[in-house]
C-alpha atoms as a PDB file:
ATOM      1  CA  MET A   1     -24.542  69.431 -80.142  1.00  0.00           C
ATOM      2  CA  GLY A   2     -27.820  66.942 -79.774  1.00  0.00           C
ATOM      3  CA  SER A   3     -29.386  65.936 -76.296  1.00  0.00           C
ATOM      4  CA  LEU A   4     -27.793  62.597 -76.651  1.00  0.00           C
ATOM      5  CA  GLU A   5     -24.140  63.851 -76.695  1.00  0.00           C
ATOM      6  CA  ASN A   6     -22.364  62.210 -73.523  1.00  0.00           C
ATOM      7  CA  LYS A   7     -25.641  60.257 -72.391  1.00  0.00           C
ATOM      8  CA  THR A   8     -25.663  56.563 -71.869  1.00  0.00           C
ATOM      9  CA  VAL A   9     -28.518  54.585 -73.344  1.00  0.00           C
ATOM     10  CA  ILE A  10     -29.463  50.776 -73.192  1.00  0.00           C
ATOM     11  CA  VAL A  11     -30.565  49.300 -76.201  1.00  0.00           C
ATOM     12  CA  THR A  12     -32.097  45.647 -76.430  1.00  0.00           C
ATOM     13  CA  GLY A  13     -32.330  43.473 -79.360  1.00  0.00           C
ATOM     14  CA  ALA A  14     -29.101  45.403 -80.702  1.00  0.00           C
ATOM     15  CA  SER A  15     -27.726  42.444 -82.564  1.00  0.00           C
ATOM     16  CA  ARG A  16     -29.913  42.826 -85.831  1.00  0.00           C
ATOM     17  CA  GLY A  17     -32.725  44.688 -87.484  1.00  0.00           C
ATOM     18  CA  ILE A  18     -33.827  47.932 -86.079  1.00  0.00           C
ATOM     19  CA  GLY A  19     -32.105  47.575 -82.641  1.00  0.00           C
ATOM     20  CA  ARG A  20     -28.963  47.109 -84.466  1.00  0.00           C
ATOM     21  CA  ALA A  21     -29.503  50.229 -86.753  1.00  0.00           C
ATOM     22  CA  LEU A  22     -30.463  52.286 -83.820  1.00  0.00           C
ATOM     23  CA  ALA A  23     -27.455  51.355 -81.893  1.00  0.00           C
ATOM     24  CA  LEU A  24     -25.202  52.669 -84.688  1.00  0.00           C
ATOM     25  CA  ASP A  25     -27.542  55.872 -85.242  1.00  0.00           C
ATOM     26  CA  LEU A  26     -27.194  56.600 -81.497  1.00  0.00           C
ATOM     27  CA  ALA A  27     -23.471  56.200 -81.484  1.00  0.00           C
ATOM     28  CA  GLY A  28     -23.274  58.496 -84.481  1.00  0.00           C
ATOM     29  CA  ARG A  29     -25.016  61.161 -82.420  1.00  0.00           C
ATOM     30  CA  GLY A  30     -22.823  60.999 -79.601  1.00  0.00           C
ATOM     31  CA  ALA A  31     -24.371  58.670 -77.160  1.00  0.00           C
ATOM     32  CA  THR A  32     -22.677  56.131 -74.791  1.00  0.00           C
ATOM     33  CA  LEU A  33     -24.035  52.796 -75.317  1.00  0.00           C
ATOM     34  CA  VAL A  34     -24.859  49.509 -73.275  1.00  0.00           C
ATOM     35  CA  ILE A  35     -26.369  47.115 -75.763  1.00  0.00           C
ATOM     36  CA  ASN A  36     -27.835  43.796 -75.278  1.00  0.00           C
ATOM     37  CA  ALA A  37     -28.979  40.622 -77.293  1.00  0.00           C
ATOM     38  CA  ARG A  38     -29.075  36.795 -76.831  1.00  0.00           C
ATOM     39  CA  SER A  39     -26.132  36.417 -79.405  1.00  0.00           C
ATOM     40  CA  ALA A  40     -22.647  37.404 -77.924  1.00  0.00           C
ATOM     41  CA  ASP A  41     -20.968  37.013 -81.478  1.00  0.00           C
ATOM     42  CA  LEU A  42     -23.417  39.531 -83.392  1.00  0.00           C
ATOM     43  CA  LEU A  43     -23.527  42.009 -80.398  1.00  0.00           C
ATOM     44  CA  GLY A  44     -19.650  42.101 -80.273  1.00  0.00           C
ATOM     45  CA  GLU A  45     -19.482  42.981 -83.948  1.00  0.00           C
ATOM     46  CA  ILE A  46     -22.009  45.900 -83.438  1.00  0.00           C
ATOM     47  CA  ALA A  47     -20.104  46.968 -80.258  1.00  0.00           C
ATOM     48  CA  LYS A  48     -17.071  47.449 -82.543  1.00  0.00           C
ATOM     49  CA  GLU A  49     -18.862  49.289 -85.115  1.00  0.00           C
ATOM     50  CA  CYS A  50     -20.457  51.623 -82.454  1.00  0.00           C
ATOM     51  CA  THR A  51     -17.029  52.054 -80.812  1.00  0.00           C
ATOM     52  CA  ALA A  52     -15.367  52.843 -84.488  1.00  0.00           C
ATOM     53  CA  LYS A  53     -17.726  55.844 -84.100  1.00  0.00           C
ATOM     54  CA  GLY A  54     -15.917  57.206 -81.187  1.00  0.00           C
ATOM     55  CA  ARG A  55     -18.216  56.226 -78.539  1.00  0.00           C
ATOM     56  CA  ARG A  56     -17.895  53.714 -75.808  1.00  0.00           C
ATOM     57  CA  CYS A  57     -20.224  50.794 -76.343  1.00  0.00           C
ATOM     58  CA  THR A  58     -20.564  48.037 -73.846  1.00  0.00           C
ATOM     59  CA  ALA A  59     -22.011  44.616 -74.864  1.00  0.00           C
ATOM     60  CA  VAL A  60     -23.954  42.466 -72.568  1.00  0.00           C
ATOM     61  CA  ALA A  61     -25.252  39.311 -74.160  1.00  0.00           C
ATOM     62  CA  GLY A  62     -28.154  37.321 -72.463  1.00  0.00           C
ATOM     63  CA  ASP A  63     -31.881  37.377 -72.053  1.00  0.00           C
ATOM     64  CA  ALA A  64     -32.962  40.763 -70.781  1.00  0.00           C
ATOM     65  CA  SER A  65     -36.012  39.327 -69.175  1.00  0.00           C
ATOM     66  CA  ASP A  66     -33.513  37.734 -66.774  1.00  0.00           C
ATOM     67  CA  ALA A  67     -33.210  40.086 -63.691  1.00  0.00           C
ATOM     68  CA  ILE A  68     -29.378  39.205 -63.651  1.00  0.00           C
ATOM     69  CA  VAL A  69     -28.937  40.252 -67.192  1.00  0.00           C
ATOM     70  CA  ALA A  70     -30.897  43.386 -66.693  1.00  0.00           C
ATOM     71  CA  ALA A  71     -29.336  44.563 -63.617  1.00  0.00           C
ATOM     72  CA  LYS A  72     -25.857  44.060 -65.498  1.00  0.00           C
ATOM     73  CA  LEU A  73     -27.166  46.272 -68.232  1.00  0.00           C
ATOM     74  CA  VAL A  74     -27.851  49.032 -65.607  1.00  0.00           C
ATOM     75  CA  GLU A  75     -24.949  48.289 -63.651  1.00  0.00           C
ATOM     76  CA  GLU A  76     -22.698  48.924 -66.959  1.00  0.00           C
ATOM     77  CA  ALA A  77     -24.642  52.299 -67.559  1.00  0.00           C
ATOM     78  CA  ARG A  78     -23.653  53.548 -64.348  1.00  0.00           C
ATOM     79  CA  GLU A  79     -20.100  53.337 -65.205  1.00  0.00           C
ATOM     80  CA  THR A  80     -20.663  56.508 -67.378  1.00  0.00           C
ATOM     81  CA  ASP A  81     -23.196  58.197 -65.009  1.00  0.00           C
ATOM     82  CA  GLY A  82     -26.061  56.319 -66.893  1.00  0.00           C
ATOM     83  CA  PRO A  83     -28.522  55.144 -67.788  1.00  0.00           C
ATOM     84  CA  HIS A  84     -29.967  58.169 -69.113  1.00  0.00           C
ATOM     85  CA  GLY A  85     -32.528  56.177 -71.260  1.00  0.00           C
ATOM     86  CA  PHE A  86     -33.314  52.693 -72.537  1.00  0.00           C
ATOM     87  CA  VAL A  87     -34.874  51.557 -75.865  1.00  0.00           C
ATOM     88  CA  HIS A  88     -36.611  48.116 -75.503  1.00  0.00           C
ATOM     89  CA  ALA A  89     -36.362  46.627 -79.128  1.00  0.00           C
ATOM     90  CA  ALA A  90     -36.223  43.187 -78.704  1.00  0.00           C
ATOM     91  CA  GLY A  91     -38.993  40.765 -79.538  1.00  0.00           C
ATOM     92  CA  VAL A  92     -39.824  37.519 -81.310  1.00  0.00           C
ATOM     93  CA  LEU A  93     -42.617  36.236 -83.343  1.00  0.00           C
ATOM     94  CA  PHE A  94     -42.971  32.575 -84.011  1.00  0.00           C
ATOM     95  CA  PRO A  95     -45.316  32.952 -87.047  1.00  0.00           C
ATOM     96  CA  GLY A  96     -47.790  30.316 -88.118  1.00  0.00           C
ATOM     97  CA  PRO A  97     -49.557  28.063 -85.579  1.00  0.00           C
ATOM     98  CA  HIS A  98     -52.874  28.632 -84.377  1.00  0.00           C
ATOM     99  CA  LEU A  99     -53.026  29.784 -80.611  1.00  0.00           C
ATOM    100  CA  TRP A 100     -53.725  26.324 -79.642  1.00  0.00           C
ATOM    101  CA  GLU A 101     -50.974  24.679 -81.527  1.00  0.00           C
ATOM    102  CA  LEU A 102     -48.230  27.067 -80.112  1.00  0.00           C
ATOM    103  CA  SER A 103     -46.066  25.254 -77.451  1.00  0.00           C
ATOM    104  CA  GLU A 104     -45.915  26.723 -74.014  1.00  0.00           C
ATOM    105  CA  GLU A 105     -42.128  27.158 -74.435  1.00  0.00           C
ATOM    106  CA  ARG A 106     -42.850  29.696 -77.403  1.00  0.00           C
ATOM    107  CA  PHE A 107     -45.781  31.202 -75.863  1.00  0.00           C
ATOM    108  CA  ASP A 108     -43.628  32.157 -72.865  1.00  0.00           C
ATOM    109  CA  ALA A 109     -40.716  33.136 -74.955  1.00  0.00           C
ATOM    110  CA  VAL A 110     -43.007  35.588 -76.872  1.00  0.00           C
ATOM    111  CA  PHE A 111     -44.145  37.474 -73.414  1.00  0.00           C
ATOM    112  CA  ALA A 112     -40.685  37.170 -71.903  1.00  0.00           C
ATOM    113  CA  ALA A 113     -39.146  39.035 -74.815  1.00  0.00           C
ATOM    114  CA  SER A 114     -41.737  41.728 -75.175  1.00  0.00           C
ATOM    115  CA  VAL A 115     -43.363  42.057 -71.784  1.00  0.00           C
ATOM    116  CA  LYS A 116     -41.192  40.560 -69.033  1.00  0.00           C
ATOM    117  CA  ALA A 117     -37.750  42.215 -70.441  1.00  0.00           C
ATOM    118  CA  GLY A 118     -39.394  45.434 -70.766  1.00  0.00           C
ATOM    119  CA  TRP A 119     -40.724  45.118 -66.941  1.00  0.00           C
ATOM    120  CA  GLN A 120     -37.081  43.996 -65.888  1.00  0.00           C
ATOM    121  CA  LEU A 121     -35.521  47.128 -67.565  1.00  0.00           C
ATOM    122  CA  ALA A 122     -38.323  49.384 -66.086  1.00  0.00           C
ATOM    123  CA  ARG A 123     -37.535  47.754 -62.779  1.00  0.00           C
ATOM    124  CA  GLN A 124     -34.007  48.160 -62.958  1.00  0.00           C
ATOM    125  CA  ALA A 125     -33.304  51.313 -64.824  1.00  0.00           C
ATOM    126  CA  VAL A 126     -36.167  53.761 -63.920  1.00  0.00           C
ATOM    127  CA  PRO A 127     -34.983  54.449 -60.292  1.00  0.00           C
ATOM    128  CA  ASP A 128     -31.832  55.633 -61.768  1.00  0.00           C
ATOM    129  CA  MET A 129     -33.186  57.647 -64.498  1.00  0.00           C
ATOM    130  CA  ARG A 130     -35.680  59.530 -62.269  1.00  0.00           C
ATOM    131  CA  GLY A 131     -34.316  63.323 -61.847  1.00  0.00           C
ATOM    132  CA  LYS A 132     -31.840  62.805 -64.797  1.00  0.00           C
ATOM    133  CA  ALA A 133     -32.562  65.559 -67.411  1.00  0.00           C
ATOM    134  CA  GLY A 134     -33.827  64.226 -70.640  1.00  0.00           C
ATOM    135  CA  ALA A 135     -34.158  60.621 -69.390  1.00  0.00           C
ATOM    136  CA  PHE A 136     -36.314  58.364 -71.510  1.00  0.00           C
ATOM    137  CA  ALA A 137     -37.746  54.790 -71.782  1.00  0.00           C
ATOM    138  CA  VAL A 138     -38.927  53.694 -75.245  1.00  0.00           C
ATOM    139  CA  PHE A 139     -40.764  50.376 -75.823  1.00  0.00           C
ATOM    140  CA  PHE A 140     -41.186  49.199 -79.231  1.00  0.00           C
ATOM    141  CA  GLY A 141     -44.909  48.711 -79.950  1.00  0.00           C
ATOM    142  CA  SER A 142     -46.681  47.272 -83.032  1.00  0.00           C
ATOM    143  CA  GLY A 143     -49.712  47.701 -85.023  1.00  0.00           C
ATOM    144  CA  ALA A 144     -50.309  43.994 -84.070  1.00  0.00           C
ATOM    145  CA  ALA A 145     -51.373  45.440 -80.672  1.00  0.00           C
ATOM    146  CA  GLU A 146     -54.713  46.366 -82.129  1.00  0.00           C
ATOM    147  CA  LEU A 147     -54.614  43.680 -84.846  1.00  0.00           C
ATOM    148  CA  VAL A 148     -56.653  40.285 -85.035  1.00  0.00           C
ATOM    149  CA  GLN A 149     -54.365  38.000 -87.174  1.00  0.00           C
ATOM    150  CA  PRO A 150     -54.393  34.207 -87.036  1.00  0.00           C
ATOM    151  CA  GLY A 151     -51.120  32.650 -86.714  1.00  0.00           C
ATOM    152  CA  ILE A 152     -49.503  35.485 -84.689  1.00  0.00           C
ATOM    153  CA  ALA A 153     -52.097  35.614 -81.764  1.00  0.00           C
ATOM    154  CA  ALA A 154     -49.343  35.432 -78.765  1.00  0.00           C
ATOM    155  CA  TYR A 155     -47.374  38.162 -80.542  1.00  0.00           C
ATOM    156  CA  CYS A 156     -50.311  40.396 -80.973  1.00  0.00           C
ATOM    157  CA  ALA A 157     -51.214  39.781 -77.315  1.00  0.00           C
ATOM    158  CA  ALA A 158     -47.553  40.428 -75.922  1.00  0.00           C
ATOM    159  CA  LYS A 159     -47.470  43.632 -77.920  1.00  0.00           C
ATOM    160  CA  ALA A 160     -50.724  44.987 -76.605  1.00  0.00           C
ATOM    161  CA  ALA A 161     -49.518  43.849 -72.866  1.00  0.00           C
ATOM    162  CA  GLU A 162     -46.285  45.850 -73.514  1.00  0.00           C
ATOM    163  CA  GLU A 163     -47.909  49.045 -74.792  1.00  0.00           C
ATOM    164  CA  HIS A 164     -50.297  49.094 -71.937  1.00  0.00           C
ATOM    165  CA  MET A 165     -47.598  48.402 -69.471  1.00  0.00           C
ATOM    166  CA  ALA A 166     -45.739  51.522 -70.994  1.00  0.00           C
ATOM    167  CA  ARG A 167     -48.757  53.652 -70.477  1.00  0.00           C
ATOM    168  CA  GLN A 168     -48.988  52.559 -66.763  1.00  0.00           C
ATOM    169  CA  LEU A 169     -45.295  53.688 -66.509  1.00  0.00           C
ATOM    170  CA  ALA A 170     -45.842  56.788 -67.961  1.00  0.00           C
ATOM    171  CA  ALA A 171     -48.385  57.467 -65.297  1.00  0.00           C
ATOM    172  CA  GLU A 172     -46.392  56.456 -62.421  1.00  0.00           C
ATOM    173  CA  ALA A 173     -42.891  58.093 -63.558  1.00  0.00           C
ATOM    174  CA  PRO A 174     -43.899  61.391 -65.083  1.00  0.00           C
ATOM    175  CA  ASP A 175     -40.265  62.708 -64.919  1.00  0.00           C
ATOM    176  CA  VAL A 176     -38.984  59.996 -67.428  1.00  0.00           C
ATOM    177  CA  ALA A 177     -40.315  60.357 -70.996  1.00  0.00           C
ATOM    178  CA  VAL A 178     -42.229  57.125 -71.567  1.00  0.00           C
ATOM    179  CA  ILE A 179     -42.964  56.495 -75.369  1.00  0.00           C
ATOM    180  CA  VAL A 180     -44.398  53.566 -77.298  1.00  0.00           C
ATOM    181  CA  TYR A 181     -42.569  53.491 -80.701  1.00  0.00           C
ATOM    182  CA  ARG A 182     -44.399  51.696 -83.490  1.00  0.00           C
ATOM    183  CA  PRO A 183     -41.546  51.148 -85.686  1.00  0.00           C
ATOM    184  CA  GLY A 184     -43.315  50.787 -88.917  1.00  0.00           C
ATOM    185  CA  VAL A 185     -43.569  47.657 -91.453  1.00  0.00           C
ATOM    186  CA  VAL A 186     -39.673  47.091 -91.642  1.00  0.00           C
ATOM    187  CA  GLU A 187     -37.823  44.490 -93.701  1.00  0.00           C
ATOM    188  CA  THR A 188     -36.282  42.546 -90.781  1.00  0.00           C
ATOM    189  CA  SER A 189     -35.643  38.710 -90.120  1.00  0.00           C
ATOM    190  CA  MET A 190     -39.173  38.883 -88.431  1.00  0.00           C
ATOM    191  CA  GLN A 191     -40.778  39.967 -91.588  1.00  0.00           C
ATOM    192  CA  ARG A 192     -38.910  37.086 -93.464  1.00  0.00           C
ATOM    193  CA  GLN A 193     -39.955  34.824 -90.815  1.00  0.00           C
ATOM    194  CA  ALA A 194     -43.445  35.630 -91.334  1.00  0.00           C
ATOM    195  CA  ARG A 195     -43.231  35.069 -95.242  1.00  0.00           C
ATOM    196  CA  GLU A 196     -41.767  31.521 -94.531  1.00  0.00           C
ATOM    197  CA  ALA A 197     -44.373  30.625 -91.550  1.00  0.00           C
ATOM    198  CA  GLU A 198     -45.451  26.957 -90.864  1.00  0.00           C
ATOM    199  CA  GLY A 199     -48.373  25.885 -88.997  1.00  0.00           C
ATOM    200  CA  GLY A 200     -52.110  25.688 -89.069  1.00  0.00           C
ATOM    201  CA  ALA A 201     -52.460  29.343 -89.751  1.00  0.00           C
ATOM    202  CA  ALA A 202     -49.255  29.658 -92.151  1.00  0.00           C
ATOM    203  CA  GLU A 203     -50.870  30.194 -95.337  1.00  0.00           C
ATOM    204  CA  GLU A 204     -52.760  33.356 -94.208  1.00  0.00           C
ATOM    205  CA  VAL A 205     -49.891  34.590 -92.478  1.00  0.00           C
ATOM    206  CA  ARG A 206     -47.547  34.204 -95.381  1.00  0.00           C
ATOM    207  CA  GLN A 207     -50.062  35.806 -97.679  1.00  0.00           C
ATOM    208  CA  VAL A 208     -50.559  38.910 -95.581  1.00  0.00           C
ATOM    209  CA  PHE A 209     -46.812  39.529 -95.288  1.00  0.00           C
ATOM    210  CA  TRP A 210     -46.027  38.613 -98.788  1.00  0.00           C
ATOM    211  CA  ASP A 211     -48.805  41.287 -99.893  1.00  0.00           C
ATOM    212  CA  ILE A 212     -47.192  43.981 -97.636  1.00  0.00           C
ATOM    213  CA  LYS A 213     -43.961  43.230 -99.728  1.00  0.00           C
ATOM    214  CA  GLU A 214     -45.257  43.069-103.066  1.00  0.00           C
ATOM    215  CA  ARG A 215     -47.105  46.644-102.185  1.00  0.00           C
ATOM    216  CA  GLY A 216     -43.857  48.132-101.605  1.00  0.00           C
ATOM    217  CA  GLU A 217     -44.844  49.068 -98.033  1.00  0.00           C
ATOM    218  CA  LEU A 218     -41.574  48.012 -96.300  1.00  0.00           C
ATOM    219  CA  ILE A 219     -39.145  50.411 -95.008  1.00  0.00           C
ATOM    220  CA  THR A 220     -35.555  49.707 -94.017  1.00  0.00           C
ATOM    221  CA  PRO A 221     -34.256  49.323 -90.306  1.00  0.00           C
ATOM    222  CA  GLU A 222     -32.209  52.322 -90.917  1.00  0.00           C
ATOM    223  CA  GLU A 223     -35.024  54.552 -91.893  1.00  0.00           C
ATOM    224  CA  SER A 224     -37.063  53.469 -88.743  1.00  0.00           C
ATOM    225  CA  ALA A 225     -34.060  53.718 -86.520  1.00  0.00           C
ATOM    226  CA  ALA A 226     -33.320  57.308 -87.773  1.00  0.00           C
ATOM    227  CA  PHE A 227     -36.792  58.482 -87.193  1.00  0.00           C
ATOM    228  CA  LEU A 228     -36.617  57.510 -83.406  1.00  0.00           C
ATOM    229  CA  ALA A 229     -32.993  58.787 -83.003  1.00  0.00           C
ATOM    230  CA  ARG A 230     -34.146  62.248 -84.250  1.00  0.00           C
ATOM    231  CA  ILE A 231     -36.874  62.428 -81.574  1.00  0.00           C
ATOM    232  CA  LEU A 232     -34.472  61.255 -78.688  1.00  0.00           C
ATOM    233  CA  ASP A 233     -31.954  63.620 -79.857  1.00  0.00           C
ATOM    234  CA  ALA A 234     -34.345  66.488 -79.803  1.00  0.00           C
ATOM    235  CA  ASP A 235     -36.736  66.709 -76.972  1.00  0.00           C
ATOM    236  CA  PRO A 236     -38.274  63.137 -76.046  1.00  0.00           C
ATOM    237  CA  SER A 237     -40.244  64.560 -73.224  1.00  0.00           C
ATOM    238  CA  ARG A 238     -42.556  66.145 -75.911  1.00  0.00           C
ATOM    239  CA  TYR A 239     -43.885  62.609 -76.491  1.00  0.00           C
ATOM    240  CA  HIS A 240     -44.313  61.316 -72.852  1.00  0.00           C
ATOM    241  CA  GLY A 241     -47.077  58.990 -72.688  1.00  0.00           C
ATOM    242  CA  LYS A 242     -47.782  58.836 -76.468  1.00  0.00           C
ATOM    243  CA  THR A 243     -47.528  56.406 -79.137  1.00  0.00           C
ATOM    244  CA  ILE A 244     -45.514  57.450 -82.105  1.00  0.00           C
ATOM    245  CA  ARG A 245     -45.321  55.948 -85.417  1.00  0.00           C
ATOM    246  CA  ALA A 246     -42.465  55.755 -87.899  1.00  0.00           C
ATOM    247  CA  GLY A 247     -42.836  58.011 -90.940  1.00  0.00           C
END
């Protein structure tokens, strides 16, 4: 029996990509799930797949940067004595425009998805998780946090902020395993968006991401999810305050 058996885990960004693959993997390892994404239809499908693995899975559609939605995630997790952990896998990119070309709406959306939603989860869930054996809080980071790449400036800045926020949380909540997970270069809808970027810096963005694909460096969402799931199912406390990379 792994450490995830009968624990309740919140997963954001669960409707597609790595978040979806992770939810299914965790369900297969015995975790009870509360999953979140904006798309209610896609989320409902994933919930059915997780439930088919014999685990309870509750879908809460909405924007996790909204305090009401974040509180609902934790409220649902409490129904099964959770939350015991959360994985913040949600994020948006909007590739292509120079920083000055990006609309305020999209700039705010990038930071809301990575930073504010992560903060809302910590704000709502960490007080409940403190004192629970094996509790963890995972924030999806990115090599973009250290990258200077025209066309994805807001995303790079948001990931840097999210990673540093996680490090601050690790210092403030030493009894919760706070981990930054860099999932690798994964073939997701976000990668495909980058290869089809439009805007002032689009050509450079497209070239960078097409080169990654042509060099065969992409891994699948399932591979990245399995790497993280194995860590969470073993002893996440070993990685408290650390940044870990898929592979």
